[in-house]
């Protein structure tokens, strides 16, 4: 496989995962701020709900690392 296409795939994995995380955090952040404004005890729950979408970026980063590792083994 072409190393250039692998690099594009790795970039798309991280970029699209970042966009998805931003969209997910948009709603979760607004809800967390609203819940914290009403009840200070909800702060911890809001932080957890803000951290959950970050796993999407971590998955995209792992996929990019796997793609780059496969690119270094390219014998083309």
N, C-alpha and C. Protein backbone atom coordinates (compact mmCIF):
# COMPACT_ATOMS: atom_id res chain seq x y z
N UNK A 1 0.84 -1.18 0.00
CA UNK A 1 0.00 0.00 0.00
C UNK A 1 0.89 1.24 0.00
N UNK A 2 0.41 2.29 -0.60
CA UNK A 2 1.16 3.53 -0.73
C UNK A 2 1.30 4.24 0.63
N UNK A 3 2.53 4.62 1.02
CA UNK A 3 2.70 5.30 2.31
C UNK A 3 1.96 6.63 2.39
N UNK A 4 1.78 7.30 1.26
CA UNK A 4 1.04 8.56 1.27
C UNK A 4 -0.41 8.36 1.64
N UNK A 5 -1.03 7.30 1.14
CA UNK A 5 -2.41 7.01 1.49
C UNK A 5 -2.55 6.62 2.96
N UNK A 6 -1.53 5.92 3.48
CA UNK A 6 -1.55 5.56 4.89
C UNK A 6 -1.47 6.82 5.75
N UNK A 7 -0.62 7.76 5.36
CA UNK A 7 -0.50 9.01 6.11
C UNK A 7 -1.79 9.81 6.05
N UNK A 8 -2.45 9.84 4.91
CA UNK A 8 -3.74 10.53 4.79
C UNK A 8 -4.77 9.85 5.68
N UNK A 9 -4.78 8.53 5.70
CA UNK A 9 -5.72 7.80 6.57
C UNK A 9 -5.48 8.09 8.04
N UNK A 10 -4.20 8.18 8.43
CA UNK A 10 -3.89 8.49 9.83
C UNK A 10 -4.34 9.91 10.17
N UNK A 11 -4.12 10.84 9.27
CA UNK A 11 -4.56 12.21 9.51
C UNK A 11 -6.07 12.32 9.60
N UNK A 12 -6.76 11.59 8.74
CA UNK A 12 -8.22 11.59 8.80
C UNK A 12 -8.73 10.95 10.09
N UNK A 13 -8.04 9.92 10.56
CA UNK A 13 -8.46 9.26 11.80
C UNK A 13 -8.43 10.24 12.97
N UNK A 14 -7.35 11.00 13.07
CA UNK A 14 -7.25 11.96 14.17
C UNK A 14 -8.16 13.17 13.94
N UNK A 15 -8.18 13.68 12.72
CA UNK A 15 -8.97 14.88 12.44
C UNK A 15 -10.46 14.66 12.61
N UNK A 16 -10.98 13.59 12.05
CA UNK A 16 -12.41 13.33 12.17
C UNK A 16 -12.81 12.96 13.59
N UNK A 17 -11.90 12.27 14.29
CA UNK A 17 -12.18 11.97 15.69
C UNK A 17 -12.23 13.26 16.52
N UNK A 18 -11.36 14.20 16.20
CA UNK A 18 -11.37 15.48 16.90
C UNK A 18 -12.64 16.27 16.63
N UNK A 19 -13.11 16.25 15.40
CA UNK A 19 -14.35 16.94 15.06
C UNK A 19 -15.53 16.29 15.79
N UNK A 20 -15.55 14.96 15.81
CA UNK A 20 -16.62 14.27 16.52
C UNK A 20 -16.61 14.57 18.00
N UNK A 21 -15.42 14.66 18.58
CA UNK A 21 -15.31 14.99 20.00
C UNK A 21 -15.81 16.40 20.26
N UNK A 22 -15.47 17.33 19.40
CA UNK A 22 -15.93 18.70 19.57
C UNK A 22 -17.44 18.82 19.52
N UNK A 23 -18.05 18.09 18.61
CA UNK A 23 -19.51 18.10 18.51
C UNK A 23 -20.14 17.47 19.75
N UNK A 24 -19.55 16.39 20.24
CA UNK A 24 -20.09 15.73 21.43
C UNK A 24 -19.92 16.60 22.67
N UNK A 25 -18.79 17.29 22.78
CA UNK A 25 -18.54 18.11 23.96
C UNK A 25 -19.36 19.40 23.94
N UNK A 26 -19.83 19.78 22.79
CA UNK A 26 -20.66 20.98 22.70
C UNK A 26 -21.91 20.82 23.57
N UNK A 27 -22.60 19.74 23.40
CA UNK A 27 -23.81 19.52 24.18
C UNK A 27 -23.52 19.14 25.62
N UNK A 28 -22.50 18.32 25.81
CA UNK A 28 -22.17 17.88 27.18
C UNK A 28 -21.67 19.05 28.02
N UNK A 29 -20.91 19.94 27.42
CA UNK A 29 -20.39 21.08 28.16
C UNK A 29 -21.48 22.03 28.59
N UNK A 30 -22.41 22.29 27.69
CA UNK A 30 -23.52 23.18 28.03
C UNK A 30 -24.37 22.57 29.15
N UNK A 31 -24.60 21.27 29.06
CA UNK A 31 -25.40 20.61 30.10
C UNK A 31 -24.66 20.59 31.43
N UNK A 32 -23.35 20.38 31.39
CA UNK A 32 -22.57 20.34 32.63
C UNK A 32 -22.54 21.71 33.31
N UNK A 33 -22.39 22.77 32.53
CA UNK A 33 -22.39 24.11 33.11
C UNK A 33 -23.76 24.44 33.70
N UNK A 34 -24.82 24.08 33.00
CA UNK A 34 -26.16 24.33 33.50
C UNK A 34 -26.45 23.56 34.78
N UNK A 35 -26.03 22.29 34.81
CA UNK A 35 -26.25 21.48 36.01
C UNK A 35 -25.44 22.00 37.19
N UNK A 36 -24.22 22.44 36.93
CA UNK A 36 -23.38 22.98 38.00
C UNK A 36 -23.93 24.31 38.52
N UNK A 37 -24.50 25.09 37.64
CA UNK A 37 -25.08 26.37 38.06
C UNK A 37 -26.27 26.15 38.98
N UNK A 38 -27.03 25.07 38.75
CA UNK A 38 -28.18 24.79 39.59
C UNK A 38 -27.80 24.10 40.90
N UNK A 39 -26.80 23.20 40.82
CA UNK A 39 -26.41 22.44 42.01
C UNK A 39 -24.91 22.19 41.96
N UNK A 40 -24.17 22.74 42.92
CA UNK A 40 -22.71 22.62 42.94
C UNK A 40 -22.24 21.17 43.07
N UNK A 41 -23.10 20.31 43.60
CA UNK A 41 -22.72 18.89 43.76
C UNK A 41 -22.62 18.17 42.43
N UNK A 42 -23.13 18.73 41.37
CA UNK A 42 -23.10 18.10 40.05
C UNK A 42 -21.80 18.36 39.30
N UNK A 43 -20.86 19.06 39.93
CA UNK A 43 -19.61 19.40 39.25
C UNK A 43 -18.82 18.15 38.84
N UNK A 44 -18.70 17.20 39.75
CA UNK A 44 -17.95 15.97 39.45
C UNK A 44 -18.58 15.18 38.31
N UNK A 45 -19.90 15.10 38.32
CA UNK A 45 -20.59 14.41 37.23
C UNK A 45 -20.39 15.13 35.91
N UNK A 46 -20.39 16.45 35.95
CA UNK A 46 -20.15 17.22 34.73
C UNK A 46 -18.76 17.00 34.17
N UNK A 47 -17.77 16.91 35.06
CA UNK A 47 -16.41 16.63 34.60
C UNK A 47 -16.32 15.27 33.95
N UNK A 48 -16.99 14.28 34.53
CA UNK A 48 -16.98 12.93 33.94
C UNK A 48 -17.62 12.95 32.56
N UNK A 49 -18.75 13.66 32.44
CA UNK A 49 -19.42 13.72 31.14
C UNK A 49 -18.60 14.51 30.11
N UNK A 50 -17.74 15.41 30.57
CA UNK A 50 -16.86 16.11 29.64
C UNK A 50 -15.68 15.24 29.23
N UNK A 51 -15.27 14.31 30.08
CA UNK A 51 -14.13 13.45 29.77
C UNK A 51 -14.52 12.28 28.87
N UNK A 52 -15.75 11.86 28.90
CA UNK A 52 -16.17 10.72 28.09
C UNK A 52 -15.95 10.91 26.59
N UNK A 53 -16.31 12.04 26.00
CA UNK A 53 -16.07 12.19 24.56
C UNK A 53 -14.59 12.19 24.18
N UNK A 54 -13.71 12.48 25.12
CA UNK A 54 -12.28 12.48 24.81
C UNK A 54 -11.77 11.11 24.41
N UNK A 55 -12.48 10.05 24.82
CA UNK A 55 -12.04 8.71 24.44
C UNK A 55 -12.11 8.52 22.92
N UNK A 56 -12.97 9.27 22.26
CA UNK A 56 -13.06 9.17 20.80
C UNK A 56 -11.74 9.60 20.17
N UNK A 57 -11.14 10.67 20.67
CA UNK A 57 -9.86 11.14 20.14
C UNK A 57 -8.76 10.14 20.45
N UNK A 58 -8.82 9.53 21.62
CA UNK A 58 -7.81 8.53 21.97
C UNK A 58 -7.89 7.35 21.01
N UNK A 59 -9.09 6.91 20.67
CA UNK A 59 -9.24 5.83 19.70
C UNK A 59 -8.69 6.23 18.33
N UNK A 60 -8.96 7.45 17.90
CA UNK A 60 -8.41 7.93 16.63
C UNK A 60 -6.90 8.00 16.67
N UNK A 61 -6.33 8.41 17.80
CA UNK A 61 -4.88 8.47 17.94
C UNK A 61 -4.27 7.07 17.89
N UNK A 62 -4.91 6.09 18.52
CA UNK A 62 -4.41 4.71 18.48
C UNK A 62 -4.45 4.18 17.06
N UNK A 63 -5.51 4.46 16.34
CA UNK A 63 -5.60 4.01 14.94
C UNK A 63 -4.50 4.65 14.11
N UNK A 64 -4.24 5.94 14.33
CA UNK A 64 -3.16 6.61 13.59
C UNK A 64 -1.81 5.99 13.90
N UNK A 65 -1.56 5.66 15.16
CA UNK A 65 -0.29 5.03 15.53
C UNK A 65 -0.16 3.67 14.86
N UNK A 66 -1.25 2.90 14.83
CA UNK A 66 -1.20 1.60 14.17
C UNK A 66 -0.94 1.75 12.67
N UNK A 67 -1.54 2.75 12.06
CA UNK A 67 -1.30 2.99 10.63
C UNK A 67 0.15 3.39 10.38
N UNK A 68 0.69 4.28 11.21
CA UNK A 68 2.09 4.70 11.04
C UNK A 68 3.04 3.54 11.30
N UNK A 69 2.71 2.67 12.25
CA UNK A 69 3.56 1.50 12.50
C UNK A 69 3.56 0.57 11.29
N UNK A 70 2.41 0.44 10.66
CA UNK A 70 2.35 -0.37 9.45
C UNK A 70 3.09 0.28 8.29
N UNK A 71 3.13 1.62 8.27
CA UNK A 71 3.84 2.32 7.20
C UNK A 71 5.34 2.13 7.33
N UNK A 72 5.86 2.02 8.56
CA UNK A 72 7.30 1.84 8.72
C UNK A 72 7.72 0.44 8.28
N UNK A 73 6.80 -0.51 8.26
CA UNK A 73 7.10 -1.86 7.79
C UNK A 73 6.88 -2.02 6.29
N UNK A 74 6.60 -0.90 5.61
CA UNK A 74 6.33 -0.94 4.18
C UNK A 74 7.61 -1.27 3.42
N UNK A 75 7.55 -2.26 2.57
CA UNK A 75 8.73 -2.71 1.81
C UNK A 75 8.58 -2.42 0.32
N UNK A 76 7.89 -1.33 0.01
CA UNK A 76 7.61 -1.00 -1.38
C UNK A 76 8.78 -0.53 -2.06
